Amino acid sequence: MIIKEMISLVSTSPFLIVIRAPGMDVRKVPLAEPSEVANGVSVWEWSGSAFDEGDEASDWFSKYLGKPSHLVRFNEASQSRPTDPNYASGYKIKFNDAYPFLLISQKSLDVLNEQLKEPVSINRFRPKYHLFLIQSFIGRI
């Protein structure tokens, strides 16, 4: 399997997201009310419908990923994904793994990278929050 470099969200507003990836033109995707619904969307154990962000976004992602792909947005009006009550009771998630947020501190990443032959970037962990000025974890890997 070929792992692609990270697709970056350059900026976002309530009306537009801007995305980029190595070797690709920057793509601006307006966040208007989507006219199409994509059925059969699946993420981990969940499947349902989502808003399709259109042909231009689909073409961009398909070209970059090398296979048919769609950019979809979670449809909060008709879909729901509650978290596992054993871990984060009372929260709802969208397309993320299982938790309402993921975080990592820069210090913990630095400590991890000191122990690896090849350092990893922050993108490897897909955090929603990247914390600075916090002591690293206490313990051993």
Foldseek 3Di string as FASTA:
>chain_A
DDDFPDWDFPDDDPFWTWIDGPPADIDIQTPDQAPDKDAQDDADPDGGIFGFSDDVQQVRVCVRVVHGDTDTHFDPVPDWAAADCVPEPPDTDGRDDGDNFFEDEPQQLVVVQVPDPHRDDPVVRVGPYYHYPDHHDPDDD
